[in-house]
Each structure stands twice: as C-alpha cells, then as structure tokens.
Amino acid sequence: MTLGEIAEKLSLSVQTAQEKLDTEVTGGYASDLLSCVMAKARKGNIWVTLQSHLNIVAVASLKELAGIIVTEGMPLEADTLQKANEEGIPILTTPHTTFTIVSQLARLGIQGVEITNDK
C-alpha cells in the first residue's frame, strides 16, 4: 500500500513531500523515543509518533522510512516542515491518537515490526 492510499483511507493531512506519496509502505513502527525508532524501525516503514520537532526528520532520513504520521494534532515547527521538504520525507498529520492510527493501519494490513531475540 502506498502513502497516498494510507493518507486517503485514514483522512490524513499531507504536510510535506507530497511528491513522495507513491512510496510503498513496507510496515509500521510506533514510538515517541527516537532511540527506539533508530534501533527498531526498518527501511520503508511508516512511523507513527506525536513528536513534531526537527529531529524526527533526521531519524526518518537515517532509517529511510517511507514517512511519518504525527498524531494528536501536534503542531509542526517551521524548521521541521522545511527540512522534511528538503529531505523528501513525507509528514502526515491527524488529530487522532497514536493508538487509533496504529489500529487503523493494522486494519489496512500494515504490519508492525516484530523484534526477536536471536540468542
């Protein structure tokens, strides 16, 4: 499923990088801790968070994420929007909670990242 399809089905507002809405989403990850996202999210994932500061763009770019959904109507800082457009990182927003959006993504067939212990 593409970011554009997800945005349409979940009534998300596209804030940045609209030209990247044809990106295929490989799965999803939800966390507000940047260190967890850096450790566990995978390339092509959609990241669900209520964080809205500049560092979310850096993490999404580093991990090559498909995009970011910012929940609970959190306002985005101007520098976050500018950097996301420069980096080609789609940021989508919603007034809904992270829990609600993750459950809706799951209903659409977007699977979460399962971490296994290979010991």
PDB file of N, CA and C in Angstrom:
ATOM      1  N   MET A   1       0.845  -1.169   0.000  1.00  0.00           N
ATOM      2  CA  MET A   1       0.000   0.000   0.000  1.00  0.00           C
ATOM      3  C   MET A   1       0.898   1.242   0.000  1.00  0.00           C
ATOM      4  N   THR A   2       0.496   2.267  -0.714  1.00  0.00           N
ATOM      5  CA  THR A   2       1.300   3.483  -0.795  1.00  0.00           C
ATOM      6  C   THR A   2       0.917   4.477   0.299  1.00  0.00           C
ATOM      7  N   LEU A   3       1.795   5.446   0.517  1.00  0.00           N
ATOM      8  CA  LEU A   3       1.497   6.513   1.467  1.00  0.00           C
ATOM      9  C   LEU A   3       0.230   7.259   1.069  1.00  0.00           C
ATOM     10  N   GLY A   4       0.069   7.511  -0.205  1.00  0.00           N
ATOM     11  CA  GLY A   4      -1.111   8.216  -0.682  1.00  0.00           C
ATOM     12  C   GLY A   4      -2.392   7.468  -0.376  1.00  0.00           C
ATOM     13  N   GLU A   5      -2.363   6.155  -0.563  1.00  0.00           N
ATOM     14  CA  GLU A   5      -3.545   5.340  -0.246  1.00  0.00           C
ATOM     15  C   GLU A   5      -3.850   5.396   1.246  1.00  0.00           C
ATOM     16  N   ILE A   6      -2.800   5.312   2.056  1.00  0.00           N
ATOM     17  CA  ILE A   6      -2.975   5.389   3.511  1.00  0.00           C
ATOM     18  C   ILE A   6      -3.541   6.751   3.894  1.00  0.00           C
ATOM     19  N   ALA A   7      -2.969   7.821   3.336  1.00  0.00           N
ATOM     20  CA  ALA A   7      -3.438   9.171   3.649  1.00  0.00           C
ATOM     21  C   ALA A   7      -4.915   9.325   3.319  1.00  0.00           C
ATOM     22  N   GLU A   8      -5.318   8.798   2.177  1.00  0.00           N
ATOM     23  CA  GLU A   8      -6.714   8.900   1.762  1.00  0.00           C
ATOM     24  C   GLU A   8      -7.628   8.090   2.677  1.00  0.00           C
ATOM     25  N   LYS A   9      -7.262   6.841   2.934  1.00  0.00           N
ATOM     26  CA  LYS A   9      -8.123   5.956   3.722  1.00  0.00           C
ATOM     27  C   LYS A   9      -8.257   6.402   5.179  1.00  0.00           C
ATOM     28  N   LEU A  10      -7.190   7.029   5.730  1.00  0.00           N
ATOM     29  CA  LEU A  10      -7.221   7.448   7.131  1.00  0.00           C
ATOM     30  C   LEU A  10      -7.495   8.946   7.285  1.00  0.00           C
ATOM     31  N   SER A  11      -7.786   9.624   6.180  1.00  0.00           N
ATOM     32  CA  SER A  11      -8.056  11.070   6.186  1.00  0.00           C
ATOM     33  C   SER A  11      -6.929  11.858   6.850  1.00  0.00           C
ATOM     34  N   LEU A  12      -5.689  11.531   6.459  1.00  0.00           N
ATOM     35  CA  LEU A  12      -4.523  12.224   6.990  1.00  0.00           C
ATOM     36  C   LEU A  12      -4.246  13.471   6.169  1.00  0.00           C
ATOM     37  N   SER A  13      -3.712  14.493   6.804  1.00  0.00           N
ATOM     38  CA  SER A  13      -3.336  15.728   6.112  1.00  0.00           C
ATOM     39  C   SER A  13      -1.865  15.649   5.722  1.00  0.00           C
ATOM     40  N   VAL A  14      -1.587  15.827   4.452  1.00  0.00           N
ATOM     41  CA  VAL A  14      -0.208  15.791   3.957  1.00  0.00           C
ATOM     42  C   VAL A  14       0.421  17.153   4.196  1.00  0.00           C
ATOM     43  N   GLN A  15       1.515  17.180   4.950  1.00  0.00           N
ATOM     44  CA  GLN A  15       2.174  18.433   5.294  1.00  0.00           C
ATOM     45  C   GLN A  15       3.428  18.687   4.454  1.00  0.00           C
ATOM     46  N   THR A  16       4.115  17.608   4.068  1.00  0.00           N
ATOM     47  CA  THR A  16       5.385  17.762   3.345  1.00  0.00           C
ATOM     48  C   THR A  16       5.545  16.668   2.302  1.00  0.00           C
ATOM     49  N   ALA A  17       6.441  16.938   1.347  1.00  0.00           N
ATOM     50  CA  ALA A  17       6.889  15.947   0.352  1.00  0.00           C
ATOM     51  C   ALA A  17       5.734  15.216  -0.329  1.00  0.00           C
ATOM     52  N   GLN A  18       4.757  15.959  -0.772  1.00  0.00           N
ATOM     53  CA  GLN A  18       3.597  15.367  -1.438  1.00  0.00           C
ATOM     54  C   GLN A  18       3.999  14.542  -2.653  1.00  0.00           C
ATOM     55  N   GLU A  19       5.112  14.877  -3.264  1.00  0.00           N
ATOM     56  CA  GLU A  19       5.588  14.144  -4.443  1.00  0.00           C
ATOM     57  C   GLU A  19       6.021  12.717  -4.115  1.00  0.00           C
ATOM     58  N   LYS A  20       6.127  12.383  -2.838  1.00  0.00           N
ATOM     59  CA  LYS A  20       6.562  11.048  -2.416  1.00  0.00           C
ATOM     60  C   LYS A  20       5.402  10.149  -1.985  1.00  0.00           C
ATOM     61  N   LEU A  21       4.163  10.560  -2.248  1.00  0.00           N
ATOM     62  CA  LEU A  21       3.017   9.782  -1.794  1.00  0.00           C
ATOM     63  C   LEU A  21       2.850   8.459  -2.519  1.00  0.00           C
ATOM     64  N   ASP A  22       3.606   8.248  -3.594  1.00  0.00           N
ATOM     65  CA  ASP A  22       3.548   6.956  -4.284  1.00  0.00           C
ATOM     66  C   ASP A  22       4.520   5.944  -3.677  1.00  0.00           C
ATOM     67  N   THR A  23       5.197   6.325  -2.584  1.00  0.00           N
ATOM     68  CA  THR A  23       6.128   5.427  -1.901  1.00  0.00           C
ATOM     69  C   THR A  23       5.371   4.258  -1.286  1.00  0.00           C
ATOM     70  N   GLU A  24       5.874   3.063  -1.524  1.00  0.00           N
ATOM     71  CA  GLU A  24       5.275   1.852  -0.968  1.00  0.00           C
ATOM     72  C   GLU A  24       5.690   1.700   0.500  1.00  0.00           C
ATOM     73  N   VAL A  25       4.732   1.409   1.363  1.00  0.00           N
ATOM     74  CA  VAL A  25       4.976   1.230   2.791  1.00  0.00           C
ATOM     75  C   VAL A  25       5.208  -0.248   3.062  1.00  0.00           C
ATOM     76  N   THR A  26       6.338  -0.563   3.697  1.00  0.00           N
ATOM     77  CA  THR A  26       6.713  -1.959   3.953  1.00  0.00           C
ATOM     78  C   THR A  26       6.226  -2.479   5.301  1.00  0.00           C
ATOM     79  N   GLY A  27       5.802  -1.591   6.175  1.00  0.00           N
ATOM     80  CA  GLY A  27       5.369  -1.967   7.515  1.00  0.00           C
ATOM     81  C   GLY A  27       5.262  -0.718   8.359  1.00  0.00           C
ATOM     82  N   GLY A  28       5.071  -0.901   9.654  1.00  0.00           N
ATOM     83  CA  GLY A  28       4.909   0.255  10.509  1.00  0.00           C
ATOM     84  C   GLY A  28       5.620   0.115  11.835  1.00  0.00           C
ATOM     85  N   TYR A  29       5.914   1.270  12.425  1.00  0.00           N
ATOM     86  CA  TYR A  29       6.526   1.313  13.750  1.00  0.00           C
ATOM     87  C   TYR A  29       5.973   2.525  14.487  1.00  0.00           C
ATOM     88  N   ALA A  30       5.659   2.373  15.765  1.00  0.00           N
ATOM     89  CA  ALA A  30       5.137   3.470  16.573  1.00  0.00           C
ATOM     90  C   ALA A  30       5.984   3.625  17.824  1.00  0.00           C
ATOM     91  N   SER A  31       6.514   4.826  18.006  1.00  0.00           N
ATOM     92  CA  SER A  31       7.269   5.151  19.216  1.00  0.00           C
ATOM     93  C   SER A  31       7.496   6.649  19.255  1.00  0.00           C
ATOM     94  N   ASP A  32       7.615   7.175  20.465  1.00  0.00           N
ATOM     95  CA  ASP A  32       7.963   8.573  20.642  1.00  0.00           C
ATOM     96  C   ASP A  32       9.418   8.723  21.058  1.00  0.00           C
ATOM     97  N   LEU A  33      10.101   7.625  21.259  1.00  0.00           N
ATOM     98  CA  LEU A  33      11.521   7.653  21.618  1.00  0.00           C
ATOM     99  C   LEU A  33      12.358   7.487  20.357  1.00  0.00           C
ATOM    100  N   LEU A  34      13.114   8.519  20.019  1.00  0.00           N
ATOM    101  CA  LEU A  34      13.918   8.483  18.794  1.00  0.00           C
ATOM    102  C   LEU A  34      14.905   7.328  18.803  1.00  0.00           C
ATOM    103  N   SER A  35      15.471   7.017  19.971  1.00  0.00           N
ATOM    104  CA  SER A  35      16.441   5.924  20.052  1.00  0.00           C
ATOM    105  C   SER A  35      15.804   4.581  19.713  1.00  0.00           C
ATOM    106  N   CYS A  36      14.552   4.388  20.090  1.00  0.00           N
ATOM    107  CA  CYS A  36      13.851   3.145  19.743  1.00  0.00           C
ATOM    108  C   CYS A  36      13.605   3.063  18.241  1.00  0.00           C
ATOM    109  N   VAL A  37      13.216   4.171  17.644  1.00  0.00           N
ATOM    110  CA  VAL A  37      12.983   4.196  16.201  1.00  0.00           C
ATOM    111  C   VAL A  37      14.278   3.884  15.464  1.00  0.00           C
ATOM    112  N   MET A  38      15.380   4.489  15.917  1.00  0.00           N
ATOM    113  CA  MET A  38      16.675   4.237  15.266  1.00  0.00           C
ATOM    114  C   MET A  38      17.092   2.777  15.400  1.00  0.00           C
ATOM    115  N   ALA A  39      16.746   2.150  16.506  1.00  0.00           N
ATOM    116  CA  ALA A  39      17.142   0.763  16.735  1.00  0.00           C
ATOM    117  C   ALA A  39      16.234  -0.250  16.048  1.00  0.00           C
ATOM    118  N   LYS A  40      14.945   0.068  15.904  1.00  0.00           N
ATOM    119  CA  LYS A  40      13.994  -0.972  15.514  1.00  0.00           C
ATOM    120  C   LYS A  40      13.235  -0.754  14.213  1.00  0.00           C
ATOM    121  N   ALA A  41      13.023   0.484  13.808  1.00  0.00           N
ATOM    122  CA  ALA A  41      12.270   0.723  12.569  1.00  0.00           C
ATOM    123  C   ALA A  41      13.086   0.243  11.375  1.00  0.00           C
ATOM    124  N   ARG A  42      12.395  -0.136  10.340  1.00  0.00           N
ATOM    125  CA  ARG A  42      13.051  -0.670   9.136  1.00  0.00           C
ATOM    126  C   ARG A  42      12.776   0.205   7.931  1.00  0.00           C
ATOM    127  N   LYS A  43      13.654   0.122   6.976  1.00  0.00           N
ATOM    128  CA  LYS A  43      13.521   0.866   5.729  1.00  0.00           C
ATOM    129  C   LYS A  43      12.117   0.654   5.148  1.00  0.00           C
ATOM    130  N   GLY A  44      11.491   1.741   4.748  1.00  0.00           N
ATOM    131  CA  GLY A  44      10.166   1.667   4.134  1.00  0.00           C
ATOM    132  C   GLY A  44       9.001   1.684   5.101  1.00  0.00           C
ATOM    133  N   ASN A  45       9.286   1.674   6.409  1.00  0.00           N
ATOM    134  CA  ASN A  45       8.207   1.719   7.409  1.00  0.00           C
ATOM    135  C   ASN A  45       7.569   3.097   7.459  1.00  0.00           C
ATOM    136  N   ILE A  46       6.313   3.116   7.894  1.00  0.00           N
ATOM    137  CA  ILE A  46       5.643   4.351   8.266  1.00  0.00           C
ATOM    138  C   ILE A  46       5.796   4.456   9.780  1.00  0.00           C
ATOM    139  N   TRP A  47       6.228   5.619  10.246  1.00  0.00           N
ATOM    140  CA  TRP A  47       6.480   5.845  11.669  1.00  0.00           C
ATOM    141  C   TRP A  47       5.340   6.674  12.241  1.00  0.00           C
ATOM    142  N   VAL A  48       4.745   6.205  13.327  1.00  0.00           N
ATOM    143  CA  VAL A  48       3.652   6.909  13.991  1.00  0.00           C
ATOM    144  C   VAL A  48       4.173   7.448  15.324  1.00  0.00           C
ATOM    145  N   THR A  49       4.030   8.764  15.523  1.00  0.00           N
ATOM    146  CA  THR A  49       4.562   9.420  16.714  1.00  0.00           C
ATOM    147  C   THR A  49       3.787  10.689  17.005  1.00  0.00           C
ATOM    148  N   LEU A  50       3.903  11.191  18.226  1.00  0.00           N
ATOM    149  CA  LEU A  50       3.373  12.513  18.496  1.00  0.00           C
ATOM    150  C   LEU A  50       4.483  13.550  18.571  1.00  0.00           C
ATOM    151  N   GLN A  51       5.721  13.120  18.352  1.00  0.00           N
ATOM    152  CA  GLN A  51       6.836  14.067  18.274  1.00  0.00           C
ATOM    153  C   GLN A  51       6.700  14.902  17.005  1.00  0.00           C
ATOM    154  N   SER A  52       7.084  16.174  17.081  1.00  0.00           N
ATOM    155  CA  SER A  52       6.919  17.041  15.911  1.00  0.00           C
ATOM    156  C   SER A  52       8.116  17.959  15.673  1.00  0.00           C
ATOM    157  N   HIS A  53       9.199  17.718  16.361  1.00  0.00           N
ATOM    158  CA  HIS A  53      10.380  18.581  16.248  1.00  0.00           C
ATOM    159  C   HIS A  53      11.297  18.146  15.101  1.00  0.00           C
ATOM    160  N   LEU A  54      12.290  18.931  14.836  1.00  0.00           N
ATOM    161  CA  LEU A  54      13.200  18.736  13.716  1.00  0.00           C
ATOM    162  C   LEU A  54      13.871  17.360  13.693  1.00  0.00           C
ATOM    163  N   ASN A  55      14.173  16.803  14.837  1.00  0.00           N
ATOM    164  CA  ASN A  55      14.910  15.532  14.886  1.00  0.00           C
ATOM    165  C   ASN A  55      14.148  14.359  14.278  1.00  0.00           C
ATOM    166  N   ILE A  56      12.823  14.451  14.177  1.00  0.00           N
ATOM    167  CA  ILE A  56      12.093  13.340  13.560  1.00  0.00           C
ATOM    168  C   ILE A  56      12.469  13.183  12.089  1.00  0.00           C
ATOM    169  N   VAL A  57      12.779  14.300  11.445  1.00  0.00           N
ATOM    170  CA  VAL A  57      13.174  14.262  10.035  1.00  0.00           C
ATOM    171  C   VAL A  57      14.525  13.571   9.894  1.00  0.00           C
ATOM    172  N   ALA A  58      15.452  13.895  10.778  1.00  0.00           N
ATOM    173  CA  ALA A  58      16.776  13.277  10.736  1.00  0.00           C
ATOM    174  C   ALA A  58      16.683  11.766  10.920  1.00  0.00           C
ATOM    175  N   VAL A  59      15.860  11.327  11.858  1.00  0.00           N
ATOM    176  CA  VAL A  59      15.714   9.887  12.112  1.00  0.00           C
ATOM    177  C   VAL A  59      15.050   9.203  10.917  1.00  0.00           C
ATOM    178  N   ALA A  60      14.004   9.798  10.382  1.00  0.00           N
ATOM    179  CA  ALA A  60      13.313   9.209   9.226  1.00  0.00           C
ATOM    180  C   ALA A  60      14.246   9.110   8.028  1.00  0.00           C
ATOM    181  N   SER A  61      15.073  10.113   7.831  1.00  0.00           N
ATOM    182  CA  SER A  61      16.029  10.093   6.729  1.00  0.00           C
ATOM    183  C   SER A  61      17.100   9.027   6.949  1.00  0.00           C
ATOM    184  N   LEU A  62      17.637   8.981   8.152  1.00  0.00           N
ATOM    185  CA  LEU A  62      18.659   7.990   8.506  1.00  0.00           C
ATOM    186  C   LEU A  62      18.163   6.562   8.281  1.00  0.00           C
ATOM    187  N   LYS A  63      16.937   6.288   8.682  1.00  0.00           N
ATOM    188  CA  LYS A  63      16.362   4.941   8.590  1.00  0.00           C
ATOM    189  C   LYS A  63      15.687   4.666   7.245  1.00  0.00           C
ATOM    190  N   GLU A  64      15.642   5.678   6.367  1.00  0.00           N
ATOM    191  CA  GLU A  64      14.988   5.561   5.058  1.00  0.00           C
ATOM    192  C   GLU A  64      13.527   5.122   5.211  1.00  0.00           C
ATOM    193  N   LEU A  65      12.831   5.803   6.114  1.00  0.00           N
ATOM    194  CA  LEU A  65      11.430   5.495   6.350  1.00  0.00           C
ATOM    195  C   LEU A  65      10.572   6.060   5.230  1.00  0.00           C
ATOM    196  N   ALA A  66       9.431   5.441   5.007  1.00  0.00           N
ATOM    197  CA  ALA A  66       8.511   5.902   3.962  1.00  0.00           C
ATOM    198  C   ALA A  66       7.906   7.251   4.327  1.00  0.00           C
ATOM    199  N   GLY A  67       7.668   7.465   5.605  1.00  0.00           N
ATOM    200  CA  GLY A  67       7.074   8.708   6.047  1.00  0.00           C
ATOM    201  C   GLY A  67       6.760   8.674   7.528  1.00  0.00           C
ATOM    202  N   ILE A  68       6.226   9.788   8.004  1.00  0.00           N
ATOM    203  CA  ILE A  68       5.917   9.961   9.419  1.00  0.00           C
ATOM    204  C   ILE A  68       4.461  10.403   9.547  1.00  0.00           C
ATOM    205  N   ILE A  69       3.740   9.788  10.483  1.00  0.00           N
ATOM    206  CA  ILE A  69       2.414  10.269  10.853  1.00  0.00           C
ATOM    207  C   ILE A  69       2.536  10.881  12.241  1.00  0.00           C
ATOM    208  N   VAL A  70       2.260  12.177  12.335  1.00  0.00           N
ATOM    209  CA  VAL A  70       2.284  12.885  13.613  1.00  0.00           C
ATOM    210  C   VAL A  70       0.847  12.952  14.122  1.00  0.00           C
ATOM    211  N   THR A  71       0.642  12.433  15.318  1.00  0.00           N
ATOM    212  CA  THR A  71      -0.691  12.271  15.880  1.00  0.00           C
ATOM    213  C   THR A  71      -1.072  13.390  16.853  1.00  0.00           C
ATOM    214  N   GLU A  72      -2.306  13.321  17.311  1.00  0.00           N
ATOM    215  CA  GLU A  72      -2.873  14.193  18.340  1.00  0.00           C
ATOM    216  C   GLU A  72      -2.819  15.672  17.985  1.00  0.00           C
ATOM    217  N   GLY A  73      -2.791  15.968  16.689  1.00  0.00           N
ATOM    218  CA  GLY A  73      -2.811  17.359  16.250  1.00  0.00           C
ATOM    219  C   GLY A  73      -1.614  18.174  16.683  1.00  0.00           C
ATOM    220  N   MET A  74      -0.495  17.504  16.958  1.00  0.00           N
ATOM    221  CA  MET A  74       0.699  18.223  17.402  1.00  0.00           C
ATOM    222  C   MET A  74       1.147  19.198  16.310  1.00  0.00           C
ATOM    223  N   PRO A  75       1.398  20.451  16.690  1.00  0.00           N
ATOM    224  CA  PRO A  75       1.838  21.428  15.690  1.00  0.00           C
ATOM    225  C   PRO A  75       3.272  21.153  15.250  1.00  0.00           C
ATOM    226  N   LEU A  76       3.521  21.337  13.970  1.00  0.00           N
ATOM    227  CA  LEU A  76       4.857  21.131  13.415  1.00  0.00           C
ATOM    228  C   LEU A  76       5.592  22.465  13.346  1.00  0.00           C
ATOM    229  N   GLU A  77       6.840  22.444  13.773  1.00  0.00           N
ATOM    230  CA  GLU A  77       7.665  23.642  13.726  1.00  0.00           C
ATOM    231  C   GLU A  77       8.032  23.939  12.277  1.00  0.00           C
ATOM    232  N   ALA A  78       8.204  25.210  11.957  1.00  0.00           N
ATOM    233  CA  ALA A  78       8.531  25.624  10.588  1.00  0.00           C
ATOM    234  C   ALA A  78       9.811  24.971  10.089  1.00  0.00           C
ATOM    235  N   ASP A  79      10.821  24.854  10.960  1.00  0.00           N
ATOM    236  CA  ASP A  79      12.076  24.237  10.516  1.00  0.00           C
ATOM    237  C   ASP A  79      11.912  22.740  10.253  1.00  0.00           C
ATOM    238  N   THR A  80      10.980  22.103  10.949  1.00  0.00           N
ATOM    239  CA  THR A  80      10.688  20.690  10.698  1.00  0.00           C
ATOM    240  C   THR A  80      10.081  20.520   9.307  1.00  0.00           C
ATOM    241  N   LEU A  81       9.126  21.363   8.970  1.00  0.00           N
ATOM    242  CA  LEU A  81       8.480  21.300   7.662  1.00  0.00           C
ATOM    243  C   LEU A  81       9.484  21.581   6.544  1.00  0.00           C
ATOM    244  N   GLN A  82      10.309  22.587   6.744  1.00  0.00           N
ATOM    245  CA  GLN A  82      11.304  22.947   5.729  1.00  0.00           C
ATOM    246  C   GLN A  82      12.288  21.811   5.492  1.00  0.00           C
ATOM    247  N   LYS A  83      12.811  21.231   6.572  1.00  0.00           N
ATOM    248  CA  LYS A  83      13.797  20.146   6.446  1.00  0.00           C
ATOM    249  C   LYS A  83      13.161  18.901   5.834  1.00  0.00           C
ATOM    250  N   ALA A  84      11.932  18.601   6.198  1.00  0.00           N
ATOM    251  CA  ALA A  84      11.241  17.437   5.635  1.00  0.00           C
ATOM    252  C   ALA A  84      11.068  17.595   4.126  1.00  0.00           C
ATOM    253  N   ASN A  85      10.714  18.778   3.682  1.00  0.00           N
ATOM    254  CA  ASN A  85      10.596  19.019   2.243  1.00  0.00           C
ATOM    255  C   ASN A  85      11.946  18.900   1.551  1.00  0.00           C
ATOM    256  N   GLU A  86      12.989  19.451   2.169  1.00  0.00           N
ATOM    257  CA  GLU A  86      14.343  19.353   1.601  1.00  0.00           C
ATOM    258  C   GLU A  86      14.800  17.900   1.482  1.00  0.00           C
ATOM    259  N   GLU A  87      14.499  17.103   2.501  1.00  0.00           N
ATOM    260  CA  GLU A  87      14.931  15.700   2.553  1.00  0.00           C
ATOM    261  C   GLU A  87      13.975  14.756   1.831  1.00  0.00           C
ATOM    262  N   GLY A  88      12.813  15.252   1.424  1.00  0.00           N
ATOM    263  CA  GLY A  88      11.829  14.399   0.770  1.00  0.00           C
ATOM    264  C   GLY A  88      11.178  13.411   1.719  1.00  0.00           C
ATOM    265  N   ILE A  89      10.953  13.845   2.960  1.00  0.00           N
ATOM    266  CA  ILE A  89      10.319  12.999   3.975  1.00  0.00           C
ATOM    267  C   ILE A  89       8.860  13.436   4.131  1.00  0.00           C
ATOM    268  N   PRO A  90       7.917  12.586   3.724  1.00  0.00           N
ATOM    269  CA  PRO A  90       6.511  12.933   3.902  1.00  0.00           C
ATOM    270  C   PRO A  90       6.118  12.930   5.384  1.00  0.00           C
ATOM    271  N   ILE A  91       5.503  14.018   5.800  1.00  0.00           N
ATOM    272  CA  ILE A  91       4.911  14.085   7.131  1.00  0.00           C
ATOM    273  C   ILE A  91       3.414  14.263   6.939  1.00  0.00           C
ATOM    274  N   LEU A  92       2.657  13.366   7.571  1.00  0.00           N
ATOM    275  CA  LEU A  92       1.203  13.378   7.530  1.00  0.00           C
ATOM    276  C   LEU A  92       0.719  13.632   8.954  1.00  0.00           C
ATOM    277  N   THR A  93      -0.375  14.345   9.101  1.00  0.00           N
ATOM    278  CA  THR A  93      -0.863  14.650  10.433  1.00  0.00           C
ATOM    279  C   THR A  93      -2.313  14.214  10.612  1.00  0.00           C
ATOM    280  N   THR A  94      -2.672  14.056  11.890  1.00  0.00           N
ATOM    281  CA  THR A  94      -4.025  13.643  12.256  1.00  0.00           C
ATOM    282  C   THR A  94      -4.328  14.140  13.665  1.00  0.00           C
ATOM    283  N   PRO A  95      -5.589  14.426  13.947  1.00  0.00           N
ATOM    284  CA  PRO A  95      -5.961  14.772  15.324  1.00  0.00           C
ATOM    285  C   PRO A  95      -6.117  13.528  16.213  1.00  0.00           C
ATOM    286  N   HIS A  96      -6.118  12.353  15.612  1.00  0.00           N
ATOM    287  CA  HIS A  96      -6.348  11.113  16.360  1.00  0.00           C
ATOM    288  C   HIS A  96      -5.116  10.696  17.170  1.00  0.00           C
ATOM    289  N   THR A  97      -5.345   9.845  18.150  1.00  0.00           N
ATOM    290  CA  THR A  97      -4.248   9.350  18.980  1.00  0.00           C
ATOM    291  C   THR A  97      -3.411   8.323  18.215  1.00  0.00           C
ATOM    292  N   THR A  98      -2.226   8.089  18.724  1.00  0.00           N
ATOM    293  CA  THR A  98      -1.349   7.077  18.137  1.00  0.00           C
ATOM    294  C   THR A  98      -2.037   5.715  18.144  1.00  0.00           C
ATOM    295  N   PHE A  99      -2.679   5.365  19.240  1.00  0.00           N
ATOM    296  CA  PHE A  99      -3.364   4.074  19.332  1.00  0.00           C
ATOM    297  C   PHE A  99      -4.397   3.917  18.220  1.00  0.00           C
ATOM    298  N   THR A 100      -5.189   4.937  18.017  1.00  0.00           N
ATOM    299  CA  THR A 100      -6.227   4.883  16.983  1.00  0.00           C
ATOM    300  C   THR A 100      -5.609   4.706  15.602  1.00  0.00           C
ATOM    301  N   ILE A 101      -4.574   5.468  15.291  1.00  0.00           N
ATOM    302  CA  ILE A 101      -3.947   5.380  13.971  1.00  0.00           C
ATOM    303  C   ILE A 101      -3.284   4.030  13.766  1.00  0.00           C
ATOM    304  N   VAL A 102      -2.604   3.526  14.766  1.00  0.00           N
ATOM    305  CA  VAL A 102      -1.962   2.208  14.629  1.00  0.00           C
ATOM    306  C   VAL A 102      -3.014   1.124  14.406  1.00  0.00           C
ATOM    307  N   SER A 103      -4.128   1.205  15.116  1.00  0.00           N
ATOM    308  CA  SER A 103      -5.173   0.190  14.913  1.00  0.00           C
ATOM    309  C   SER A 103      -5.766   0.304  13.509  1.00  0.00           C
ATOM    310  N   GLN A 104      -5.908   1.516  13.003  1.00  0.00           N
ATOM    311  CA  GLN A 104      -6.426   1.695  11.644  1.00  0.00           C
ATOM    312  C   GLN A 104      -5.423   1.184  10.607  1.00  0.00           C
ATOM    313  N   LEU A 105      -4.136   1.435  10.832  1.00  0.00           N
ATOM    314  CA  LEU A 105      -3.111   0.899   9.923  1.00  0.00           C
ATOM    315  C   LEU A 105      -3.141  -0.628   9.901  1.00  0.00           C
ATOM    316  N   ALA A 106      -3.307  -1.228  11.072  1.00  0.00           N
ATOM    317  CA  ALA A 106      -3.376  -2.692  11.149  1.00  0.00           C
ATOM    318  C   ALA A 106      -4.579  -3.216  10.364  1.00  0.00           C
ATOM    319  N   ARG A 107      -5.712  -2.539  10.462  1.00  0.00           N
ATOM    320  CA  ARG A 107      -6.897  -2.947   9.695  1.00  0.00           C
ATOM    321  C   ARG A 107      -6.654  -2.845   8.189  1.00  0.00           C
ATOM    322  N   LEU A 108      -5.769  -1.938   7.794  1.00  0.00           N
ATOM    323  CA  LEU A 108      -5.430  -1.801   6.366  1.00  0.00           C
ATOM    324  C   LEU A 108      -4.415  -2.853   5.911  1.00  0.00           C
ATOM    325  N   GLY A 109      -3.901  -3.631   6.873  1.00  0.00           N
ATOM    326  CA  GLY A 109      -2.931  -4.669   6.532  1.00  0.00           C
ATOM    327  C   GLY A 109      -1.481  -4.270   6.720  1.00  0.00           C
ATOM    328  N   ILE A 110      -1.237  -3.089   7.282  1.00  0.00           N
ATOM    329  CA  ILE A 110       0.137  -2.670   7.557  1.00  0.00           C
ATOM    330  C   ILE A 110       0.594  -3.408   8.805  1.00  0.00           C
ATOM    331  N   GLN A 111       1.650  -4.177   8.659  1.00  0.00           N
ATOM    332  CA  GLN A 111       2.146  -4.997   9.759  1.00  0.00           C
ATOM    333  C   GLN A 111       3.222  -4.279  10.547  1.00  0.00           C
ATOM    334  N   GLY A 112       3.263  -4.559  11.836  1.00  0.00           N
ATOM    335  CA  GLY A 112       4.269  -3.956  12.709  1.00  0.00           C
ATOM    336  C   GLY A 112       5.587  -4.693  12.641  1.00  0.00           C
ATOM    337  N   VAL A 113       6.599  -4.028  13.163  1.00  0.00           N
ATOM    338  CA  VAL A 113       7.933  -4.616  13.227  1.00  0.00           C
ATOM    339  C   VAL A 113       7.995  -5.481  14.472  1.00  0.00           C
ATOM    340  N   GLU A 114       8.289  -6.726  14.288  1.00  0.00           N
ATOM    341  CA  GLU A 114       8.435  -7.636  15.431  1.00  0.00           C
ATOM    342  C   GLU A 114       9.922  -7.855  15.683  1.00  0.00           C
ATOM    343  N   ILE A 115      10.324  -7.573  16.878  1.00  0.00           N
ATOM    344  CA  ILE A 115      11.728  -7.715  17.267  1.00  0.00           C
ATOM    345  C   ILE A 115      11.898  -9.085  17.922  1.00  0.00           C
ATOM    346  N   THR A 116      12.839  -9.851  17.422  1.00  0.00           N
ATOM    347  CA  THR A 116      13.109 -11.162  18.019  1.00  0.00           C
ATOM    348  C   THR A 116      14.470 -11.156  18.661  1.00  0.00           C
ATOM    349  N   ASN A 117      14.619 -11.956  19.659  1.00  0.00           N
ATOM    350  CA  ASN A 117      15.901 -12.130  20.351  1.00  0.00           C
ATOM    351  C   ASN A 117      16.556 -13.378  19.779  1.00  0.00           C
ATOM    352  N   ASP A 118      17.645 -13.193  19.081  1.00  0.00           N
ATOM    353  CA  ASP A 118      18.307 -14.313  18.403  1.00  0.00           C
ATOM    354  C   ASP A 118      19.331 -15.019  19.250  1.00  0.00           C
ATOM    355  N   LYS A 119      19.233 -14.926  20.556  1.00  0.00           N
ATOM    356  CA  LYS A 119      20.213 -15.596  21.428  1.00  0.00           C
ATOM    357  C   LYS A 119      20.024 -17.083  21.440  1.00  0.00           C
TER     358      LYS A 119
END
